C-alpha atoms as a PDB file:
ATOM      1  CA  MET A   1       0.000   0.000   0.000  1.00  0.00           C
ATOM      2  CA  ALA A   2       2.835   2.409   0.808  1.00  0.00           C
ATOM      3  CA  LYS A   3       4.291   2.026  -2.688  1.00  0.00           C
ATOM      4  CA  THR A   4       0.992   3.192  -4.199  1.00  0.00           C
ATOM      5  CA  VAL A   5       0.776   6.244  -1.948  1.00  0.00           C
ATOM      6  CA  ASP A   6       4.402   7.184  -2.672  1.00  0.00           C
ATOM      7  CA  ALA A   7       3.835   6.905  -6.437  1.00  0.00           C
ATOM      8  CA  ARG A   8       0.711   9.070  -6.231  1.00  0.00           C
ATOM      9  CA  ARG A   9       2.579  11.722  -4.295  1.00  0.00           C
ATOM     10  CA  GLN A  10       5.153  11.850  -7.070  1.00  0.00           C
ATOM     11  CA  ASP A  11       2.409  12.149  -9.730  1.00  0.00           C
ATOM     12  CA  ARG A  12       3.669   9.171 -11.650  1.00  0.00           C
ATOM     13  CA  PRO A  13       1.963   5.854 -12.296  1.00  0.00           C
ATOM     14  CA  LEU A  14       3.063   2.812 -10.375  1.00  0.00           C
ATOM     15  CA  TRP A  15       3.106   0.291 -13.216  1.00  0.00           C
ATOM     16  CA  LEU A  16       1.979  -3.262 -12.581  1.00  0.00           C
ATOM     17  CA  ASN A  17       4.651  -5.898 -12.211  1.00  0.00           C
ATOM     18  CA  GLU A  18       4.347  -9.231 -14.035  1.00  0.00           C
ATOM     19  CA  ASP A  19       2.375 -10.982 -11.272  1.00  0.00           C
ATOM     20  CA  GLU A  20       0.072  -7.982 -10.763  1.00  0.00           C
ATOM     21  CA  MET A  21      -0.552  -7.753 -14.520  1.00  0.00           C
ATOM     22  CA  ALA A  22      -1.389 -11.469 -14.738  1.00  0.00           C
ATOM     23  CA  ALA A  23      -3.833 -11.145 -11.814  1.00  0.00           C
ATOM     24  CA  TRP A  24      -5.406  -8.036 -13.323  1.00  0.00           C
ATOM     25  CA  LEU A  25      -5.885  -9.620 -16.752  1.00  0.00           C
ATOM     26  CA  ALA A  26      -7.375 -12.805 -15.277  1.00  0.00           C
ATOM     27  CA  ASN A  27      -9.844 -10.772 -13.237  1.00  0.00           C
ATOM     28  CA  SER A  28     -10.622  -8.463 -16.150  1.00  0.00           C
ATOM     29  CA  ALA A  29     -11.686 -11.530 -18.096  1.00  0.00           C
ATOM     30  CA  ILE A  30     -13.995 -12.528 -15.225  1.00  0.00           C
ATOM     31  CA  MET A  31     -15.463  -9.029 -14.935  1.00  0.00           C
ATOM     32  CA  ILE A  32     -16.274  -8.960 -18.640  1.00  0.00           C
ATOM     33  CA  SER A  33     -17.105 -12.554 -19.551  1.00  0.00           C
ATOM     34  CA  LEU A  34     -18.979 -13.806 -16.472  1.00  0.00           C
ATOM     35  CA  PRO A  35     -21.733 -11.141 -16.450  1.00  0.00           C
ATOM     36  CA  ALA A  36     -22.153 -11.528 -20.213  1.00  0.00           C
ATOM     37  CA  ALA A  37     -22.458 -15.320 -19.917  1.00  0.00           C
ATOM     38  CA  LEU A  38     -24.918 -15.054 -17.013  1.00  0.00           C
ATOM     39  CA  ASP A  39     -26.957 -12.443 -18.879  1.00  0.00           C
ATOM     40  CA  ALA A  40     -27.145 -14.510 -22.077  1.00  0.00           C
ATOM     41  CA  ARG A  41     -28.167 -17.606 -20.166  1.00  0.00           C
ATOM     42  CA  MET A  42     -30.804 -15.769 -18.088  1.00  0.00           C
ATOM     43  CA  GLN A  43     -32.307 -14.249 -21.224  1.00  0.00           C
ATOM     44  CA  ARG A  44     -32.327 -17.599 -23.010  1.00  0.00           C
ATOM     45  CA  GLU A  45     -33.756 -19.598 -20.092  1.00  0.00           C
ATOM     46  CA  SER A  46     -35.918 -17.061 -18.244  1.00  0.00           C
ATOM     47  CA  GLN A  47     -36.555 -14.172 -20.655  1.00  0.00           C
ATOM     48  CA  MET A  48     -34.992 -11.631 -18.309  1.00  0.00           C
ATOM     49  CA  THR A  49     -31.616 -10.029 -17.943  1.00  0.00           C
ATOM     50  CA  PHE A  50     -29.173 -11.029 -15.223  1.00  0.00           C
ATOM     51  CA  PHE A  51     -29.677  -7.599 -13.641  1.00  0.00           C
ATOM     52  CA  GLU A  52     -33.469  -7.960 -13.672  1.00  0.00           C
ATOM     53  CA  TYR A  53     -33.038 -11.323 -11.957  1.00  0.00           C
ATOM     54  CA  MET A  54     -30.762  -9.768  -9.347  1.00  0.00           C
ATOM     55  CA  VAL A  55     -33.343  -7.077  -8.573  1.00  0.00           C
ATOM     56  CA  LEU A  56     -36.124  -9.640  -8.188  1.00  0.00           C
ATOM     57  CA  SER A  57     -33.892 -11.964  -6.185  1.00  0.00           C
ATOM     58  CA  VAL A  58     -32.812  -9.278  -3.731  1.00  0.00           C
ATOM     59  CA  LEU A  59     -36.438  -8.280  -3.193  1.00  0.00           C
ATOM     60  CA  SER A  60     -37.408 -11.926  -2.665  1.00  0.00           C
ATOM     61  CA  GLU A  61     -34.928 -12.131   0.208  1.00  0.00           C
ATOM     62  CA  GLU A  62     -36.798  -9.487   2.201  1.00  0.00           C
ATOM     63  CA  GLN A  63     -39.443 -10.777   4.598  1.00  0.00           C
ATOM     64  CA  ASP A  64     -42.072  -8.384   3.172  1.00  0.00           C
ATOM     65  CA  ARG A  65     -40.477  -8.485  -0.326  1.00  0.00           C
ATOM     66  CA  THR A  66     -40.103  -4.681  -0.123  1.00  0.00           C
ATOM     67  CA  MET A  67     -37.014  -2.496  -0.174  1.00  0.00           C
ATOM     68  CA  GLN A  68     -36.283   1.190  -0.513  1.00  0.00           C
ATOM     69  CA  MET A  69     -34.871   2.014  -3.956  1.00  0.00           C
ATOM     70  CA  SER A  70     -31.620   3.471  -2.584  1.00  0.00           C
ATOM     71  CA  ARG A  71     -30.941   0.316  -0.572  1.00  0.00           C
ATOM     72  CA  LEU A  72     -31.915  -1.877  -3.544  1.00  0.00           C
ATOM     73  CA  ALA A  73     -29.472   0.067  -5.708  1.00  0.00           C
ATOM     74  CA  ALA A  74     -26.686  -0.553  -3.206  1.00  0.00           C
ATOM     75  CA  ARG A  75     -27.520  -4.262  -2.893  1.00  0.00           C
ATOM     76  CA  THR A  76     -27.456  -4.697  -6.697  1.00  0.00           C
ATOM     77  CA  ALA A  77     -24.409  -2.454  -7.233  1.00  0.00           C
ATOM     78  CA  ALA A  78     -26.432  -0.172  -9.517  1.00  0.00           C
ATOM     79  CA  SER A  79     -26.962   3.527  -9.888  1.00  0.00           C
ATOM     80  CA  LEU A  80     -30.394   4.811  -8.911  1.00  0.00           C
ATOM     81  CA  SER A  81     -30.913   5.856 -12.528  1.00  0.00           C
ATOM     82  CA  ARG A  82     -30.204   2.380 -13.919  1.00  0.00           C
ATOM     83  CA  LEU A  83     -32.287   0.754 -11.209  1.00  0.00           C
ATOM     84  CA  SER A  84     -35.197   3.128 -11.838  1.00  0.00           C
ATOM     85  CA  HIS A  85     -35.283   2.201 -15.548  1.00  0.00           C
ATOM     86  CA  VAL A  86     -35.174  -1.524 -14.804  1.00  0.00           C
ATOM     87  CA  VAL A  87     -37.798  -1.294 -12.062  1.00  0.00           C
ATOM     88  CA  ALA A  88     -40.068   0.630 -14.455  1.00  0.00           C
ATOM     89  CA  ARG A  89     -39.759  -2.241 -16.977  1.00  0.00           C
ATOM     90  CA  LEU A  90     -40.430  -4.826 -14.270  1.00  0.00           C
ATOM     91  CA  GLU A  91     -43.414  -2.803 -13.059  1.00  0.00           C
ATOM     92  CA  LYS A  92     -44.906  -2.761 -16.575  1.00  0.00           C
ATOM     93  CA  ARG A  93     -44.622  -6.560 -16.569  1.00  0.00           C
ATOM     94  CA  GLY A  94     -46.444  -6.748 -13.221  1.00  0.00           C
ATOM     95  CA  LEU A  95     -43.422  -8.178 -11.400  1.00  0.00           C
ATOM     96  CA  VAL A  96     -42.952  -5.278  -8.952  1.00  0.00           C
ATOM     97  CA  THR A  97     -44.840  -2.255  -7.695  1.00  0.00           C
ATOM     98  CA  ARG A  98     -43.496   1.057  -6.498  1.00  0.00           C
ATOM     99  CA  SER A  99     -44.879   3.259  -3.755  1.00  0.00           C
ATOM    100  CA  ARG A 100     -43.793   6.583  -2.322  1.00  0.00           C
ATOM    101  CA  ILE A 101     -42.597   6.510   1.276  1.00  0.00           C
ATOM    102  CA  PRO A 102     -44.494   9.116   3.320  1.00  0.00           C
ATOM    103  CA  GLY A 103     -42.520  12.011   4.743  1.00  0.00           C
ATOM    104  CA  ALA A 104     -39.908  14.425   3.540  1.00  0.00           C
ATOM    105  CA  GLY A 105     -37.821  13.702   0.484  1.00  0.00           C
ATOM    106  CA  ARG A 106     -38.301  11.609  -2.600  1.00  0.00           C
ATOM    107  CA  ARG A 107     -38.116   8.089  -1.235  1.00  0.00           C
ATOM    108  CA  THR A 108     -39.667   5.109  -2.946  1.00  0.00           C
ATOM    109  CA  ASN A 109     -40.193   1.484  -1.983  1.00  0.00           C
ATOM    110  CA  THR A 110     -40.210  -1.333  -4.503  1.00  0.00           C
ATOM    111  CA  THR A 111     -42.242  -4.437  -3.720  1.00  0.00           C
ATOM    112  CA  LEU A 112     -42.023  -7.807  -5.415  1.00  0.00           C
ATOM    113  CA  THR A 113     -45.482  -8.950  -6.512  1.00  0.00           C
ATOM    114  CA  ASP A 114     -46.714 -12.526  -6.309  1.00  0.00           C
ATOM    115  CA  ALA A 115     -46.155 -12.802 -10.067  1.00  0.00           C
ATOM    116  CA  GLY A 116     -42.622 -11.460  -9.641  1.00  0.00           C
ATOM    117  CA  ASN A 117     -41.941 -13.947  -6.869  1.00  0.00           C
ATOM    118  CA  ASP A 118     -43.178 -16.773  -9.115  1.00  0.00           C
ATOM    119  CA  VAL A 119     -40.811 -15.596 -11.869  1.00  0.00           C
ATOM    120  CA  VAL A 120     -37.750 -15.369  -9.614  1.00  0.00           C
ATOM    121  CA  VAL A 121     -38.485 -18.725  -7.943  1.00  0.00           C
ATOM    122  CA  ALA A 122     -38.793 -20.352 -11.389  1.00  0.00           C
ATOM    123  CA  ALA A 123     -35.542 -18.731 -12.603  1.00  0.00           C
ATOM    124  CA  ALA A 124     -33.476 -19.438  -9.468  1.00  0.00           C
ATOM    125  CA  PRO A 125     -32.526 -23.062 -10.231  1.00  0.00           C
ATOM    126  CA  GLY A 126     -31.162 -22.120 -13.658  1.00  0.00           C
ATOM    127  CA  HIS A 127     -29.293 -19.148 -12.230  1.00  0.00           C
ATOM    128  CA  VAL A 128     -27.710 -21.254  -9.482  1.00  0.00           C
ATOM    129  CA  ALA A 129     -26.774 -23.918 -12.041  1.00  0.00           C
ATOM    130  CA  ALA A 130     -25.061 -21.260 -14.169  1.00  0.00           C
ATOM    131  CA  VAL A 131     -23.195 -19.798 -11.175  1.00  0.00           C
ATOM    132  CA  ARG A 132     -22.018 -23.294 -10.235  1.00  0.00           C
ATOM    133  CA  GLU A 133     -21.037 -24.177 -13.816  1.00  0.00           C
ATOM    134  CA  TYR A 134     -19.193 -20.940 -14.574  1.00  0.00           C
ATOM    135  CA  LEU A 135     -17.635 -20.203 -11.191  1.00  0.00           C
ATOM    136  CA  ILE A 136     -18.221 -22.176  -7.990  1.00  0.00           C
ATOM    137  CA  ASP A 137     -17.563 -25.723  -9.217  1.00  0.00           C
ATOM    138  CA  ASN A 138     -14.288 -24.626 -10.794  1.00  0.00           C
ATOM    139  CA  LEU A 139     -12.810 -23.509  -7.482  1.00  0.00           C
ATOM    140  CA  GLU A 140     -11.327 -25.242  -4.447  1.00  0.00           C
ATOM    141  CA  PRO A 141     -12.768 -24.452  -0.989  1.00  0.00           C
ATOM    142  CA  ALA A 142      -9.789 -22.228  -0.186  1.00  0.00           C
ATOM    143  CA  ASP A 143     -10.365 -20.395  -3.472  1.00  0.00           C
ATOM    144  CA  LEU A 144     -13.961 -19.636  -2.439  1.00  0.00           C
ATOM    145  CA  LYS A 145     -12.812 -18.048   0.814  1.00  0.00           C
ATOM    146  CA  ALA A 146     -10.173 -16.049  -1.066  1.00  0.00           C
ATOM    147  CA  LEU A 147     -12.712 -14.992  -3.694  1.00  0.00           C
ATOM    148  CA  GLN A 148     -15.103 -13.787  -0.988  1.00  0.00           C
ATOM    149  CA  ARG A 149     -12.318 -11.853   0.733  1.00  0.00           C
ATOM    150  CA  ILE A 150     -11.163 -10.358  -2.568  1.00  0.00           C
ATOM    151  CA  GLY A 151     -14.684  -9.459  -3.681  1.00  0.00           C
ATOM    152  CA  THR A 152     -15.399  -7.743  -0.376  1.00  0.00           C
ATOM    153  CA  ALA A 153     -12.115  -5.823  -0.427  1.00  0.00           C
ATOM    154  CA  VAL A 154     -12.662  -4.650  -4.012  1.00  0.00           C
ATOM    155  CA  ALA A 155     -16.297  -3.676  -3.369  1.00  0.00           C
ATOM    156  CA  ASP A 156     -15.239  -1.718  -0.286  1.00  0.00           C
ATOM    157  CA  ALA A 157     -12.527   0.066  -2.265  1.00  0.00           C
ATOM    158  CA  VAL A 158     -14.913   0.896  -5.104  1.00  0.00           C
ATOM    159  CA  ASP A 159     -17.869   2.086  -3.057  1.00  0.00           C
ATOM    160  CA  GLY A 160     -16.312   3.028   0.258  1.00  0.00           C
ATOM    161  CA  GLY A 161     -18.137   0.221   2.094  1.00  0.00           C
ATOM    162  CA  ARG A 162     -21.625   1.515   1.250  1.00  0.00           C
ATOM    163  CA  ALA A 163     -22.776  -1.805  -0.275  1.00  0.00           C
ATOM    164  CA  ALA A 164     -21.949  -3.820   2.835  1.00  0.00           C
ATOM    165  CA  ALA A 165     -23.646  -1.281   5.088  1.00  0.00           C
ATOM    166  CA  ALA A 166     -26.719  -1.229   2.854  1.00  0.00           C
ATOM    167  CA  SER A 167     -27.083  -4.997   2.689  1.00  0.00           C
ATOM    168  CA  THR A 168     -29.311  -4.981   5.767  1.00  0.00           C
ATOM    169  CA  PRO A 169     -30.516  -2.355   8.209  1.00  0.00           C
ATOM    170  CA  ASP A 170     -28.161  -3.612  10.914  1.00  0.00           C
ATOM    171  CA  GLY A 171     -25.374  -4.835   8.623  1.00  0.00           C
ATOM    172  CA  ALA A 172     -26.102  -8.526   9.321  1.00  0.00           C
ATOM    173  CA  GLY A 173     -26.869 -11.090   6.636  1.00  0.00           C
ATOM    174  CA  ASP A 174     -30.450 -11.594   5.420  1.00  0.00           C
ATOM    175  CA  GLU A 175     -32.231 -14.906   5.321  1.00  0.00           C
ATOM    176  CA  GLY A 176     -33.941 -15.159   1.950  1.00  0.00           C
ATOM    177  CA  SER A 177     -36.620 -17.016   0.090  1.00  0.00           C
ATOM    178  CA  VAL A 178     -34.390 -17.397  -2.960  1.00  0.00           C
ATOM    179  CA  GLN A 179     -30.794 -18.361  -2.451  1.00  0.00           C
ATOM    180  CA  ASP A 180     -28.691 -16.323  -4.849  1.00  0.00           C
ATOM    181  CA  GLY A 181     -25.339 -17.375  -6.202  1.00  0.00           C
END
């Protein structure tokens, strides 16, 4: 970490060494190819995008299947703008509803409808199969722990820890109706 800070102070890039470059390129391939593969498979098998599935899945994990849009955006790693467009499409399909939260400010809840719950429950087995096929089953147990640690560290660096804090009201894990991979 100190090397990075020193290089920034000198206004010069700290180039990646051979091992760092290999790690970066391997992870770049994951960041690009895995979401594309999951999206193509979700569209083929369930007629929805991977992101639409994630929105429905996160809502299905809530006891009342309702979540404030800002928290839903954090849980799905999306901007409010992107989420709003997707939720509008899902609402037109009858899979979610939106309602204004009383009080000051522009706050909105999104609720998964019974039809939306049916859709996400039907899609979940295929999604989990894809996650296993493309990622989980290709890793050793120690790799899974490392991947979780790495994913958390990168997410914290990217969003300053907001996603972890927004995952639940008290920061603890949720028990859900649909297990997401």
